[in-house]
Amino acid sequence: MHIPLSLALAATTLAATLIPAGPAAPATPGPLRWGPCPKEAAAPRLTCSTLEVPLDYRDPDGRQIKVAVSRLASRNPAQRRGVLLTNPGGPGGPGLGFPAVLAGARMPQKVLDSYDLIGFDPRGVGRSAPVTCDLTPEQQARGNFAPYAHSPADVAREAGNARTIADQCAASRTAWMLPHTTTANTARDMDRIRAALGERKISYLGASYGTQLGAVYTTLFPRRSDRFVLDSSLGPGGYDVTAMRMFARGLQDRFPDFAAFAAAHPEYGLGTTPKQVTAKFFELAKRLDAEPVEGIDGTAFRGLTFDRLYSDATIPQLAEFWQALDAGRPVPSPPLSGMENLMSSRFYVICGDSRWPRTVREYQRNVAVDRVRYPMLGGSTAGIGPCAFWPGNPVEPPVRIGDRGPSNVLLVQNERDPGTPLAGARKLRQAFGQRARMVTADQGGHGVYPYGRNTCANDAATAFLTTGHRPTHDLDCPAEPGK
């Protein structure tokens, strides 16, 4: 039942001054007309609009779709310097209400004064031409990870379920959007938003998958990019098969934080040393593989453990969850409301962005390797999914992230991030070269800015957004106990 809320390429290099291939985009769109936001995004001072964008940027005057856009305007015209586009992650996550979320999450006032915060639902999501795979409740409950495979036969068995979902996506009423629901096209939509706002450049704050979206935009449109903050970064290949397998490494990186917490709180009965807590993980997983508790099997246990390590705030809840399972007590299942579009749009993007292995045998090999390398989750995250059977081929090569363009990117990253491990962020930093600097915080969890847990990292991001000053070299921020 694992369903993370903020979820992870070869191509020809694009020169810094090039825009996407194909015919020129249509004339500059007219100004956006702002009004009330839909109820799911409604918040004080947040206004919303819609913008028509080309379905296929190779045919800019052809079929159009509508993208929903929001704005939290600066209250200080004298200090306003432009717009800050935002994305909370995904793919599949709506972003219309994200500016209000940031404002409520201790975003420094000088950042709110410096920018109009702009949110949007990416194409295929929420209010922006939502897509579907007609996923059943049972398919939604299976979540984003394949069942934990203990043998090659388990992988072969799951292949049938993966193919069924791919076939449903291809036969759905929104299948006409399949070739065009990609990160590159969403980045092009961002540039249409920029033009509609009347801005020469945009700044950007993106988290998790939003780092890939920002990296692609500033690669396609380097001269239209102002100050870009990428928080909790995927590798340069984006949410590809490598990123999927990296989730297992992320859990291994992060788990010691939980083991230390549980060992320090013997009242949970999970062990009095980190080694004992780690052994309890494998004991519970094995037991639940054989005999689920109220629908929680070994795969769901592994996935929910992973998900609840995204934040320090949910670590006590995770300990209670383990305690209940260990005692055989019923555990409430996570709600599935709104998950069909989130999961479907995620499949559209990750399967359409890059090529995934197409043979069952390759996934069997990957599982065999990762089950040994990362035993907590590797047998699941290396498993087979719908992308193995995705119809057709990508209509364009993935955007290759490189070092051509202005030095205007700041990566902020936790050392022990389960969702976007540090190893992947370092590869993105390397790909950007001198375009980027990286600030690494000695803490765990998914997401750095502006949540206020590490003053050093937060101050670096705020300084960059408000003054343009970046560290002269990559910066390591020490842990701040008590935060």
Protein backbone atom coordinates (compact mmCIF):
# COMPACT_ATOMS: atom_id res chain seq x y z
CA MET A 1 0.00 0.00 0.00
CA HIS A 2 2.98 2.27 -0.24
CA ILE A 3 1.97 5.56 -1.83
CA PRO A 4 4.60 8.29 -1.25
CA LEU A 5 3.21 11.77 -1.54
CA SER A 6 6.31 13.47 -2.90
CA LEU A 7 7.88 11.22 -5.25
CA ALA A 8 12.38 10.10 -8.60
CA LEU A 9 19.20 9.45 -19.72
CA ALA A 10 20.91 9.57 -22.70
CA ALA A 11 20.18 12.30 -25.24
CA THR A 12 21.87 14.82 -27.46
CA THR A 13 23.29 17.85 -25.65
CA LEU A 14 21.38 21.09 -26.12
CA ALA A 15 23.39 24.24 -26.51
CA ALA A 16 22.79 26.88 -23.88
CA THR A 17 20.98 29.27 -26.17
CA LEU A 18 18.74 26.73 -27.88
CA ILE A 19 15.02 26.40 -27.28
CA PRO A 20 13.14 23.12 -27.81
CA ALA A 21 13.29 21.58 -31.26
CA GLY A 22 10.36 22.01 -33.61
CA PRO A 23 8.35 24.95 -34.90
CA ALA A 24 8.37 28.18 -32.99
CA ALA A 25 5.84 28.49 -30.19
CA PRO A 26 2.68 30.51 -30.82
CA ALA A 27 2.67 34.23 -30.22
CA THR A 28 3.02 35.41 -26.64
CA PRO A 29 -0.16 34.49 -24.74
CA GLY A 30 -2.35 37.24 -23.40
CA PRO A 31 -2.25 38.24 -19.72
CA LEU A 32 -3.75 35.84 -17.21
CA ARG A 33 -7.08 36.75 -15.65
CA TRP A 34 -6.97 36.09 -11.93
CA GLY A 35 -9.93 34.99 -9.86
CA PRO A 36 -10.89 32.66 -7.00
CA CYS A 37 -9.15 29.29 -6.75
CA PRO A 38 -11.01 25.97 -6.77
CA LYS A 39 -11.90 24.70 -3.31
CA GLU A 40 -9.03 22.19 -3.07
CA ALA A 41 -6.51 25.03 -3.51
CA ALA A 42 -8.40 27.92 -1.88
CA ALA A 43 -6.30 29.93 0.55
CA PRO A 44 -6.09 33.55 1.71
CA ARG A 45 -4.72 35.88 -1.01
CA LEU A 46 -4.19 32.99 -3.46
CA THR A 47 -5.73 33.67 -6.87
CA CYS A 48 -6.03 31.34 -9.85
CA SER A 49 -6.29 31.38 -13.61
CA THR A 50 -6.00 29.05 -16.60
CA LEU A 51 -3.69 29.17 -19.60
CA GLU A 52 -3.99 27.38 -22.92
CA VAL A 53 -0.83 25.59 -24.04
CA PRO A 54 -0.09 23.34 -27.03
CA LEU A 55 -0.67 19.65 -26.46
CA ASP A 56 2.25 18.97 -28.81
CA TYR A 57 4.92 21.66 -29.08
CA ARG A 58 5.90 20.29 -32.48
CA ASP A 59 2.47 21.53 -33.60
CA PRO A 60 2.05 24.72 -31.55
CA ASP A 61 -1.08 25.85 -33.40
CA GLY A 62 -2.76 22.46 -33.05
CA ARG A 63 -4.80 21.07 -30.19
CA GLN A 64 -4.55 23.04 -26.95
CA ILE A 65 -5.00 21.98 -23.33
CA LYS A 66 -5.63 24.12 -20.25
CA VAL A 67 -3.13 24.46 -17.43
CA ALA A 68 -4.29 25.77 -14.06
CA VAL A 69 -2.05 28.48 -12.54
CA SER A 70 -2.06 30.20 -9.15
CA ARG A 71 -0.43 33.32 -7.73
CA LEU A 72 0.39 34.55 -4.24
CA ALA A 73 1.33 38.13 -5.00
CA SER A 74 4.04 40.04 -3.17
CA ARG A 75 2.64 42.64 -0.78
CA ASN A 76 5.72 44.82 -1.16
CA PRO A 77 5.95 46.29 -4.69
CA ALA A 78 9.10 48.20 -3.78
CA GLN A 79 10.96 44.96 -3.04
CA ARG A 80 9.35 42.71 -5.66
CA ARG A 81 11.95 41.51 -8.16
CA GLY A 82 9.96 38.97 -10.20
CA VAL A 83 8.15 35.65 -10.02
CA LEU A 84 9.12 32.40 -8.31
CA LEU A 85 7.58 29.37 -9.98
CA THR A 86 7.17 26.43 -7.64
CA ASN A 87 6.65 22.67 -7.79
CA PRO A 88 6.15 20.36 -4.77
CA GLY A 89 7.22 17.11 -6.44
CA GLY A 90 5.59 14.03 -7.87
CA PRO A 91 5.27 13.37 -10.71
CA GLY A 92 1.54 13.40 -10.27
CA GLY A 93 1.36 15.89 -7.42
CA PRO A 94 -0.86 18.96 -7.84
CA GLY A 95 0.87 22.29 -7.30
CA LEU A 96 -1.95 24.83 -7.46
CA GLY A 97 -2.05 25.32 -3.69
CA PHE A 98 1.71 25.06 -3.14
CA PRO A 99 2.43 28.82 -2.88
CA ALA A 100 0.06 29.01 0.10
CA VAL A 101 1.69 25.92 1.62
CA LEU A 102 5.11 27.56 1.34
CA ALA A 103 3.84 30.77 2.88
CA GLY A 104 2.45 28.76 5.79
CA ALA A 105 5.68 26.78 6.19
CA ARG A 106 7.83 29.63 7.44
CA MET A 107 8.95 30.88 4.05
CA PRO A 108 10.98 33.97 5.04
CA GLN A 109 9.06 37.20 4.63
CA LYS A 110 11.82 38.72 2.52
CA VAL A 111 11.32 35.94 -0.03
CA LEU A 112 7.55 36.52 -0.01
CA ASP A 113 8.24 40.23 -0.52
CA SER A 114 10.72 39.58 -3.35
CA TYR A 115 8.46 37.44 -5.51
CA ASP A 116 5.01 36.62 -6.64
CA LEU A 117 4.86 32.88 -5.81
CA ILE A 118 3.44 30.98 -8.77
CA GLY A 119 1.96 27.50 -8.55
CA PHE A 120 0.44 25.27 -11.20
CA ASP A 121 -0.97 21.82 -11.71
CA PRO A 122 1.35 20.18 -14.26
CA ARG A 123 -0.25 18.87 -17.42
CA GLY A 124 -2.15 15.67 -16.74
CA VAL A 125 -2.67 16.53 -13.06
CA GLY A 126 -5.56 17.94 -11.07
CA ARG A 127 -7.11 20.88 -12.93
CA SER A 128 -4.72 20.66 -15.90
CA ALA A 129 -6.21 18.17 -18.37
CA PRO A 130 -6.15 15.29 -15.84
CA VAL A 131 -5.25 11.86 -17.19
CA THR A 132 -6.41 8.44 -16.11
CA CYS A 133 -5.45 4.78 -16.36
CA ASP A 134 -8.84 3.70 -14.94
CA LEU A 135 -7.04 2.20 -11.96
CA THR A 136 -9.20 0.05 -9.72
CA PRO A 137 -9.11 0.52 -5.93
CA GLU A 138 -7.09 -2.68 -5.74
CA GLN A 139 -4.55 -1.34 -8.24
CA GLN A 140 -4.31 1.93 -6.36
CA ALA A 141 -3.75 0.07 -3.11
CA ARG A 142 -0.74 -1.70 -4.62
CA GLY A 143 1.04 1.65 -4.63
CA ASN A 144 4.14 2.80 -6.46
CA PHE A 145 6.42 -0.16 -5.73
CA ALA A 146 6.15 -3.67 -7.09
CA PRO A 147 5.55 -6.47 -4.54
CA TYR A 148 8.75 -7.57 -2.87
CA ALA A 149 10.23 -10.30 -5.09
CA HIS A 150 11.99 -13.16 -3.34
CA SER A 151 12.60 -15.12 -6.54
CA PRO A 152 12.59 -14.79 -10.35
CA ALA A 153 9.13 -16.40 -10.31
CA ASP A 154 7.80 -13.50 -8.22
CA VAL A 155 8.99 -11.03 -10.88
CA ALA A 156 7.43 -13.07 -13.68
CA ARG A 157 4.16 -13.27 -11.76
CA GLU A 158 4.03 -9.50 -11.26
CA ALA A 159 4.67 -8.87 -14.96
CA GLY A 160 1.05 -9.72 -15.71
CA ASN A 161 -0.23 -7.03 -13.33
CA ALA A 162 2.21 -4.48 -14.75
CA ARG A 163 1.14 -5.24 -18.31
CA THR A 164 -2.54 -4.90 -17.35
CA ILE A 165 -1.99 -1.38 -16.02
CA ALA A 166 -0.01 -0.35 -19.10
CA ASP A 167 -2.82 -1.69 -21.32
CA GLN A 168 -5.40 0.24 -19.28
CA CYS A 169 -3.44 3.47 -19.70
CA ALA A 170 -3.20 2.88 -23.46
CA ALA A 171 -6.96 2.22 -23.72
CA SER A 172 -8.13 5.02 -21.43
CA ARG A 173 -10.16 8.03 -22.54
CA THR A 174 -7.05 10.23 -22.07
CA ALA A 175 -4.66 8.01 -24.03
CA TRP A 176 -4.33 10.80 -26.61
CA MET A 177 -2.15 12.57 -24.02
CA LEU A 178 0.25 9.66 -23.54
CA PRO A 179 3.03 10.85 -25.88
CA HIS A 180 2.84 14.44 -24.66
CA THR A 181 2.67 14.15 -20.85
CA THR A 182 6.39 14.51 -20.25
CA THR A 183 8.73 16.55 -18.11
CA ALA A 184 10.06 18.39 -21.17
CA ASN A 185 6.56 19.48 -22.20
CA THR A 186 5.73 20.55 -18.65
CA ALA A 187 8.91 22.66 -18.72
CA ARG A 188 7.68 24.20 -21.97
CA ASP A 189 4.37 24.91 -20.26
CA MET A 190 6.34 26.73 -17.57
CA ASP A 191 7.84 28.95 -20.23
CA ARG A 192 4.37 29.72 -21.56
CA ILE A 193 3.39 30.68 -18.00
CA ARG A 194 6.43 32.97 -17.89
CA ALA A 195 5.36 34.65 -21.12
CA ALA A 196 1.75 35.04 -19.97
CA LEU A 197 3.00 36.70 -16.79
CA GLY A 198 4.95 39.18 -18.90
CA GLU A 199 8.27 38.21 -17.32
CA ARG A 200 11.59 38.10 -19.16
CA LYS A 201 12.92 35.49 -16.70
CA ILE A 202 11.62 33.24 -13.93
CA SER A 203 13.11 32.07 -10.67
CA TYR A 204 12.18 28.63 -9.41
CA LEU A 205 11.86 26.48 -6.28
CA GLY A 206 11.24 22.79 -6.90
CA ALA A 207 11.37 19.80 -4.56
CA SER A 208 11.90 16.09 -5.25
CA TYR A 209 10.66 15.39 -8.81
CA GLY A 210 10.37 19.18 -9.05
CA THR A 211 14.18 19.26 -9.16
CA GLN A 212 14.10 17.33 -12.43
CA LEU A 213 11.47 19.69 -13.80
CA GLY A 214 13.62 22.67 -12.85
CA ALA A 215 16.77 21.08 -14.24
CA VAL A 216 15.04 20.42 -17.55
CA TYR A 217 13.64 23.95 -17.75
CA THR A 218 16.96 25.65 -17.08
CA THR A 219 18.58 23.36 -19.67
CA LEU A 220 15.99 24.10 -22.34
CA PHE A 221 15.68 27.79 -21.45
CA PRO A 222 18.97 28.81 -19.77
CA ARG A 223 18.68 32.50 -20.67
CA ARG A 224 15.13 32.70 -19.29
CA SER A 225 16.20 31.21 -15.94
CA ASP A 226 16.99 33.54 -13.07
CA ARG A 227 17.62 31.95 -9.65
CA PHE A 228 16.90 28.21 -9.41
CA VAL A 229 16.75 26.32 -6.11
CA LEU A 230 16.49 22.54 -6.43
CA ASP A 231 15.57 20.90 -3.13
CA SER A 232 16.16 17.13 -2.65
CA SER A 233 17.37 16.25 -6.11
CA LEU A 234 16.95 13.28 -8.36
CA GLY A 235 19.93 12.30 -10.46
CA PRO A 236 20.44 13.81 -13.92
CA GLY A 237 18.31 11.08 -15.50
CA GLY A 238 15.25 12.16 -13.55
CA TYR A 239 12.67 9.61 -12.47
CA ASP A 240 14.05 6.73 -14.51
CA VAL A 241 14.78 3.09 -13.69
CA THR A 242 17.94 4.16 -11.86
CA ALA A 243 15.99 6.53 -9.62
CA MET A 244 13.44 3.82 -8.88
CA ARG A 245 16.19 1.46 -7.75
CA MET A 246 17.78 4.26 -5.71
CA PHE A 247 14.78 4.30 -3.35
CA ALA A 248 16.21 1.12 -1.80
CA ARG A 249 19.49 2.88 -1.13
CA GLY A 250 17.54 5.79 0.33
CA LEU A 251 15.90 3.55 2.90
CA GLN A 252 19.26 2.03 3.85
CA ASP A 253 20.71 5.56 4.24
CA ARG A 254 17.83 6.79 6.38
CA PHE A 255 16.99 3.75 8.50
CA PRO A 256 19.77 4.27 11.11
CA ASP A 257 17.95 7.43 12.28
CA PHE A 258 14.84 5.38 13.05
CA ALA A 259 16.85 2.55 14.61
CA ALA A 260 18.53 5.01 16.96
CA PHE A 261 15.16 6.55 17.92
CA ALA A 262 13.47 3.21 18.60
CA ALA A 263 16.45 1.93 20.59
CA ALA A 264 16.33 5.07 22.74
CA HIS A 265 12.61 4.44 23.45
CA PRO A 266 12.36 0.88 24.75
CA GLU A 267 8.70 1.42 25.57
CA TYR A 268 7.93 0.50 21.95
CA GLY A 269 9.42 -2.94 22.48
CA LEU A 270 11.35 -2.92 19.20
CA GLY A 271 14.81 -3.42 20.66
CA THR A 272 17.26 -1.60 22.90
CA THR A 273 20.05 -1.28 20.35
CA PRO A 274 20.01 -0.20 16.69
CA LYS A 275 21.10 -3.71 15.74
CA GLN A 276 18.07 -5.19 17.50
CA VAL A 277 15.72 -2.69 15.81
CA THR A 278 17.18 -3.59 12.43
CA ALA A 279 16.66 -7.28 13.16
CA LYS A 280 13.04 -6.48 14.09
CA PHE A 281 12.52 -4.98 10.63
CA PHE A 282 13.47 -8.22 8.92
CA GLU A 283 11.52 -10.29 11.45
CA LEU A 284 8.32 -8.30 10.85
CA ALA A 285 8.76 -8.27 7.08
CA LYS A 286 9.19 -12.04 6.98
CA ARG A 287 6.24 -12.63 9.30
CA LEU A 288 3.95 -10.32 7.29
CA ASP A 289 5.04 -11.89 4.01
CA ALA A 290 3.69 -15.16 5.40
CA GLU A 291 0.67 -13.84 7.32
CA PRO A 292 -0.58 -10.27 6.68
CA VAL A 293 -2.25 -8.27 9.45
CA GLU A 294 -5.45 -6.54 8.33
CA GLY A 295 -4.22 -6.30 4.74
CA ILE A 296 -0.70 -5.17 5.68
CA ASP A 297 1.67 -7.66 4.08
CA GLY A 298 5.44 -7.57 3.89
CA THR A 299 5.48 -5.30 0.84
CA ALA A 300 3.10 -2.80 2.46
CA PHE A 301 5.14 -2.91 5.67
CA ARG A 302 8.35 -2.12 3.81
CA GLY A 303 6.71 0.64 1.77
CA LEU A 304 4.96 2.30 4.69
CA THR A 305 8.19 2.21 6.70
CA PHE A 306 9.93 3.93 3.80
CA ASP A 307 7.16 6.53 3.47
CA ARG A 308 7.09 7.45 7.15
CA LEU A 309 10.82 8.07 7.19
CA TYR A 310 10.31 11.08 4.91
CA SER A 311 9.96 13.26 8.01
CA ASP A 312 11.31 13.20 11.55
CA ALA A 313 7.81 14.17 12.69
CA THR A 314 6.40 10.79 11.61
CA ILE A 315 9.11 8.63 13.19
CA PRO A 316 7.14 8.18 16.47
CA GLN A 317 4.09 7.17 14.38
CA LEU A 318 6.25 4.61 12.61
CA ALA A 319 7.35 3.14 15.92
CA GLU A 320 3.70 2.84 16.99
CA PHE A 321 2.88 1.21 13.64
CA TRP A 322 5.60 -1.41 14.14
CA GLN A 323 4.49 -1.96 17.72
CA ALA A 324 0.91 -2.64 16.61
CA LEU A 325 2.00 -5.02 13.86
CA ASP A 326 4.31 -6.85 16.23
CA ALA A 327 1.37 -7.42 18.58
CA GLY A 328 -0.91 -8.49 15.72
CA ARG A 329 -3.25 -5.54 16.22
CA PRO A 330 -5.24 -4.07 13.30
CA VAL A 331 -3.60 -1.09 11.59
CA PRO A 332 -5.69 1.51 9.71
CA SER A 333 -5.04 1.50 5.97
CA PRO A 334 -3.95 4.80 4.36
CA PRO A 335 -6.73 6.66 2.51
CA LEU A 336 -6.90 6.30 -1.28
CA SER A 337 -8.95 9.42 -2.02
CA GLY A 338 -7.60 11.24 -5.06
CA MET A 339 -4.93 8.65 -5.76
CA GLU A 340 -6.16 7.53 -9.19
CA ASN A 341 -5.10 10.68 -11.01
CA LEU A 342 -1.89 10.98 -8.97
CA MET A 343 -0.79 7.46 -9.83
CA SER A 344 -1.96 7.59 -13.45
CA SER A 345 -0.21 10.88 -14.22
CA ARG A 346 2.90 9.53 -12.56
CA PHE A 347 2.89 6.55 -14.93
CA TYR A 348 2.34 8.84 -17.93
CA VAL A 349 5.38 10.94 -17.02
CA ILE A 350 7.92 8.39 -15.86
CA CYS A 351 7.11 5.88 -18.57
CA GLY A 352 7.05 8.57 -21.26
CA ASP A 353 10.21 10.39 -20.21
CA SER A 354 12.73 7.60 -20.76
CA ARG A 355 13.19 4.02 -21.90
CA TRP A 356 12.79 1.34 -19.25
CA PRO A 357 13.98 -2.26 -19.51
CA ARG A 358 11.55 -4.21 -21.70
CA THR A 359 12.27 -7.81 -20.70
CA VAL A 360 11.24 -9.68 -17.58
CA ARG A 361 14.70 -11.20 -17.40
CA GLU A 362 16.37 -7.83 -16.90
CA TYR A 363 14.11 -7.03 -13.94
CA GLN A 364 14.86 -10.47 -12.52
CA ARG A 365 18.58 -9.69 -12.71
CA ASN A 366 18.08 -6.27 -11.11
CA VAL A 367 16.06 -7.75 -8.27
CA ALA A 368 18.69 -10.41 -7.62
CA VAL A 369 21.37 -7.71 -7.33
CA ASP A 370 19.41 -5.19 -5.25
CA ARG A 371 17.93 -7.78 -2.90
CA VAL A 372 21.52 -8.46 -1.78
CA ARG A 373 22.79 -4.88 -1.99
CA TYR A 374 19.79 -3.24 -0.31
CA PRO A 375 17.83 -6.05 1.35
CA MET A 376 15.27 -3.84 3.08
CA LEU A 377 13.60 -2.63 -0.13
CA GLY A 378 15.68 -3.72 -3.13
CA GLY A 379 13.49 -6.71 -3.97
CA SER A 380 10.62 -4.27 -4.50
CA THR A 381 12.08 -1.14 -6.08
CA ALA A 382 14.07 -3.13 -8.67
CA GLY A 383 10.90 -5.01 -9.63
CA ILE A 384 8.81 -4.76 -12.76
CA GLY A 385 6.17 -2.09 -13.37
CA PRO A 386 3.95 -0.73 -16.14
CA CYS A 387 6.83 1.12 -17.83
CA ALA A 388 8.18 -2.26 -18.98
CA PHE A 389 5.11 -2.60 -21.23
CA TRP A 390 4.48 1.05 -22.09
CA PRO A 391 2.99 1.52 -25.56
CA GLY A 392 5.20 3.05 -28.23
CA ASN A 393 8.45 4.91 -27.77
CA PRO A 394 9.15 8.43 -26.44
CA VAL A 395 8.45 11.05 -29.10
CA GLU A 396 11.73 12.84 -28.29
CA PRO A 397 14.94 11.92 -26.47
CA PRO A 398 15.20 12.89 -22.81
CA VAL A 399 16.77 16.24 -22.07
CA ARG A 400 20.40 15.80 -21.10
CA ILE A 401 21.39 17.96 -18.14
CA GLY A 402 24.76 19.59 -18.67
CA ASP A 403 26.99 22.51 -17.75
CA ARG A 404 26.08 24.90 -20.58
CA GLY A 405 24.40 28.04 -19.28
CA PRO A 406 24.62 30.66 -16.53
CA SER A 407 25.81 29.83 -13.02
CA ASN A 408 22.41 30.20 -11.39
CA VAL A 409 21.51 26.87 -9.74
CA LEU A 410 21.61 26.03 -6.04
CA LEU A 411 21.02 22.45 -4.85
CA VAL A 412 19.98 21.92 -1.22
CA GLN A 413 20.05 18.35 0.08
CA ASN A 414 19.78 16.26 3.23
CA GLU A 415 22.51 13.68 3.81
CA ARG A 416 20.02 10.91 4.69
CA ASP A 417 17.12 11.41 2.31
CA PRO A 418 15.08 8.26 1.61
CA GLY A 419 13.29 9.57 -1.46
CA THR A 420 16.14 11.30 -3.28
CA PRO A 421 19.37 9.89 -1.85
CA LEU A 422 22.47 12.03 -1.61
CA ALA A 423 24.26 9.84 -4.16
CA GLY A 424 21.78 10.88 -6.88
CA ALA A 425 21.95 14.57 -5.95
CA ARG A 426 25.72 14.46 -6.22
CA LYS A 427 25.42 13.13 -9.76
CA LEU A 428 23.12 16.01 -10.69
CA ARG A 429 25.58 18.44 -9.12
CA GLN A 430 28.36 16.90 -11.22
CA ALA A 431 26.28 17.13 -14.39
CA PHE A 432 25.63 20.85 -13.84
CA GLY A 433 29.33 21.58 -13.34
CA GLN A 434 30.00 25.24 -12.67
CA ARG A 435 26.35 26.10 -13.24
CA ALA A 436 25.58 24.87 -9.71
CA ARG A 437 26.58 24.91 -6.07
CA MET A 438 25.35 22.37 -3.54
CA VAL A 439 24.47 22.80 0.15
CA THR A 440 24.28 19.54 2.11
CA ALA A 441 22.65 19.38 5.56
CA ASP A 442 23.65 16.73 8.10
CA GLN A 443 20.10 15.56 8.77
CA GLY A 444 17.57 13.00 7.58
CA GLY A 445 14.26 13.23 5.79
CA HIS A 446 12.94 14.41 2.46
CA GLY A 447 12.91 18.17 1.93
CA VAL A 448 15.12 20.98 3.20
CA TYR A 449 13.68 24.39 2.41
CA PRO A 450 11.94 26.37 3.92
CA TYR A 451 11.04 24.03 6.75
CA GLY A 452 13.52 25.59 9.15
CA ARG A 453 15.27 22.53 10.58
CA ASN A 454 18.80 23.50 9.51
CA THR A 455 19.58 27.19 9.78
CA CYS A 456 22.75 26.97 7.71
CA ALA A 457 21.01 25.36 4.71
CA ASN A 458 17.91 27.53 4.94
CA ASP A 459 19.90 30.73 5.19
CA ALA A 460 21.90 29.78 2.10
CA ALA A 461 18.74 29.25 0.06
CA THR A 462 17.14 32.47 1.32
CA ALA A 463 20.27 34.49 0.56
CA PHE A 464 20.40 33.13 -2.98
CA LEU A 465 16.74 33.85 -3.69
CA THR A 466 16.81 37.37 -2.24
CA THR A 467 20.32 38.61 -3.07
CA GLY A 468 21.62 36.24 -5.73
CA HIS A 469 24.58 35.32 -3.50
CA ARG A 470 25.58 31.65 -3.63
CA PRO A 471 28.31 29.95 -1.62
CA THR A 472 31.61 30.25 -3.47
CA HIS A 473 32.02 26.48 -3.15
CA ASP A 474 29.85 23.54 -2.12
CA LEU A 475 28.83 23.84 1.52
CA ASP A 476 28.39 21.18 4.20
CA CYS A 477 26.04 22.27 6.99
CA PRO A 478 26.53 20.50 10.35
CA ALA A 479 23.69 18.93 12.30
CA GLU A 480 21.77 21.22 14.64
CA PRO A 481 20.73 19.12 17.65
CA GLY A 482 17.27 19.75 19.01
CA LYS A 483 15.78 20.83 15.69
